[in-house]
Protein backbone atom coordinates (compact mmCIF):
# COMPACT_ATOMS: atom_id res chain seq x y z
CA UNK A 1 8.15 -15.64 -10.73
CA UNK A 2 9.88 -13.13 -13.16
CA UNK A 3 6.82 -12.53 -14.82
CA UNK A 4 4.83 -11.32 -11.85
CA UNK A 5 7.72 -8.74 -11.22
CA UNK A 6 7.54 -7.59 -14.62
CA UNK A 7 3.72 -6.93 -14.15
CA UNK A 8 4.89 -4.79 -10.91
CA UNK A 9 7.26 -2.67 -13.18
CA UNK A 10 4.52 -2.18 -15.67
CA UNK A 11 2.46 -1.29 -12.60
CA UNK A 12 5.21 1.16 -11.80
CA UNK A 13 5.25 2.85 -15.22
CA UNK A 14 1.60 3.23 -14.95
CA UNK A 15 1.84 4.95 -11.56
CA UNK A 16 4.32 7.46 -12.88
CA UNK A 17 2.10 8.32 -15.74
CA UNK A 18 -0.92 8.94 -13.47
CA UNK A 19 1.12 10.71 -10.99
CA UNK A 20 2.43 13.21 -13.42
CA UNK A 21 -1.42 13.42 -14.89
CA UNK A 22 -2.66 14.47 -11.61
CA UNK A 23 -0.38 17.66 -11.82
CA UNK A 24 -0.51 18.22 -15.47
CA UNK A 25 -3.98 16.88 -16.88
CA UNK A 26 -5.77 20.25 -18.07
CA UNK A 27 -8.22 18.49 -20.61
CA UNK A 28 -10.91 15.90 -19.99
CA UNK A 29 -8.94 13.53 -22.28
CA UNK A 30 -5.95 13.95 -19.98
CA UNK A 31 -8.13 13.25 -16.99
CA UNK A 32 -9.63 10.27 -18.37
CA UNK A 33 -6.23 8.76 -19.23
CA UNK A 34 -5.17 9.60 -15.82
CA UNK A 35 -8.13 7.73 -14.54
CA UNK A 36 -7.67 4.72 -16.44
CA UNK A 37 -3.85 4.61 -15.40
CA UNK A 38 -5.11 4.77 -11.93
CA UNK A 39 -7.20 1.64 -12.39
CA UNK A 40 -4.85 -0.18 -14.47
CA UNK A 41 -2.10 0.13 -11.93
CA UNK A 42 -4.18 -1.21 -8.95
CA UNK A 43 -5.35 -3.98 -11.30
CA UNK A 44 -2.00 -5.10 -11.94
CA UNK A 45 -0.91 -4.88 -8.43
CA UNK A 46 -3.85 -7.09 -7.60
CA UNK A 47 -2.73 -9.58 -10.02
CA UNK A 48 1.05 -9.47 -8.83
CA UNK A 49 -0.11 -9.51 -5.39
CA UNK A 50 -1.68 -12.90 -5.90
CA UNK A 51 1.74 -14.53 -6.57
CA UNK A 52 4.25 -12.39 -4.65
CA UNK A 53 4.40 -11.38 -1.03
CA UNK A 54 2.18 -8.31 -1.00
CA UNK A 55 4.58 -6.24 1.66
CA UNK A 56 7.53 -6.78 -0.81
CA UNK A 57 5.16 -6.02 -3.99
CA UNK A 58 4.09 -2.84 -2.45
CA UNK A 59 7.32 -1.69 -1.24
CA UNK A 60 9.18 -2.02 -4.64
CA UNK A 61 5.98 -0.30 -6.28
CA UNK A 62 6.02 2.58 -3.94
CA UNK A 63 9.97 2.91 -3.95
CA UNK A 64 10.15 2.50 -7.85
CA UNK A 65 7.16 4.86 -8.35
CA UNK A 66 8.47 7.46 -6.15
CA UNK A 67 11.97 7.65 -7.90
CA UNK A 68 10.45 7.39 -11.21
CA UNK A 69 8.23 10.27 -10.36
CA UNK A 70 10.94 12.39 -9.15
CA UNK A 71 13.29 11.71 -12.09
CA UNK A 72 10.42 12.32 -14.65
CA UNK A 73 9.67 15.42 -12.62
CA UNK A 74 13.38 16.65 -12.98
CA UNK A 75 14.34 15.49 -16.72
CA UNK A 76 11.09 16.05 -18.31
CA UNK A 77 9.34 19.04 -16.31
CA UNK A 78 12.67 20.62 -15.23
CA UNK A 79 11.93 20.25 -11.41
CA UNK A 80 14.71 20.69 -9.31
CA UNK A 81 17.22 17.72 -8.56
CA UNK A 82 19.81 18.30 -6.24
CA UNK A 83 22.66 16.10 -4.67
CA UNK A 84 20.38 15.58 -1.32
CA UNK A 85 17.54 14.25 -3.61
CA UNK A 86 19.88 11.99 -5.48
CA UNK A 87 21.47 10.54 -1.95
CA UNK A 88 17.83 10.24 -0.75
CA UNK A 89 16.81 8.25 -3.81
CA UNK A 90 19.64 5.99 -3.66
CA UNK A 91 19.11 5.46 -0.24
CA UNK A 92 15.16 4.49 -0.98
CA UNK A 93 16.46 2.25 -3.78
CA UNK A 94 19.02 0.45 -1.19
CA UNK A 95 15.83 -0.30 0.95
CA UNK A 96 13.75 -1.41 -1.99
CA UNK A 97 16.51 -3.72 -3.27
CA UNK A 98 17.60 -4.98 0.28
CA UNK A 99 13.99 -5.73 0.97
CA UNK A 100 13.47 -7.56 -2.21
CA UNK A 101 17.00 -9.60 -1.59
CA UNK A 102 15.81 -10.91 2.00
CA UNK A 103 12.47 -12.13 0.75
CA UNK A 104 12.59 -15.70 0.75
CA UNK A 105 12.06 -17.08 -2.75
CA UNK A 106 9.93 -19.93 -1.46
CA UNK A 107 7.47 -17.50 -0.54
CA UNK A 108 7.41 -15.58 -3.90
CA UNK A 109 6.59 -18.88 -5.81
CA UNK A 110 3.77 -19.86 -3.84
CA UNK A 111 0.56 -20.09 -5.96
CA UNK A 112 2.63 -19.95 -8.98
CA UNK A 113 1.25 -22.66 -11.36
């Protein structure tokens, strides 16, 4: 089960990469890397979705991807990060963690062999 959540986390890293790439890709190579990252992200989600509850997988993926994109934008590209954004990110993370915590463990291991 942990292996499948690690796959989701890797998908999140690639998501942050391609979202940043959509804004900052200015060369053909950068666009090709962005497209590859998109494809790899969704491939990883398909793999994880076979073994984990799809609703929880997507919520964790979208929440962490959103938070990661905001943080990369702030710390790498100097985009604004204020107290309201931080509070909203914490609220988002609380929702993601809460959903993960209430997802029954027996459902997460279904199909895991």
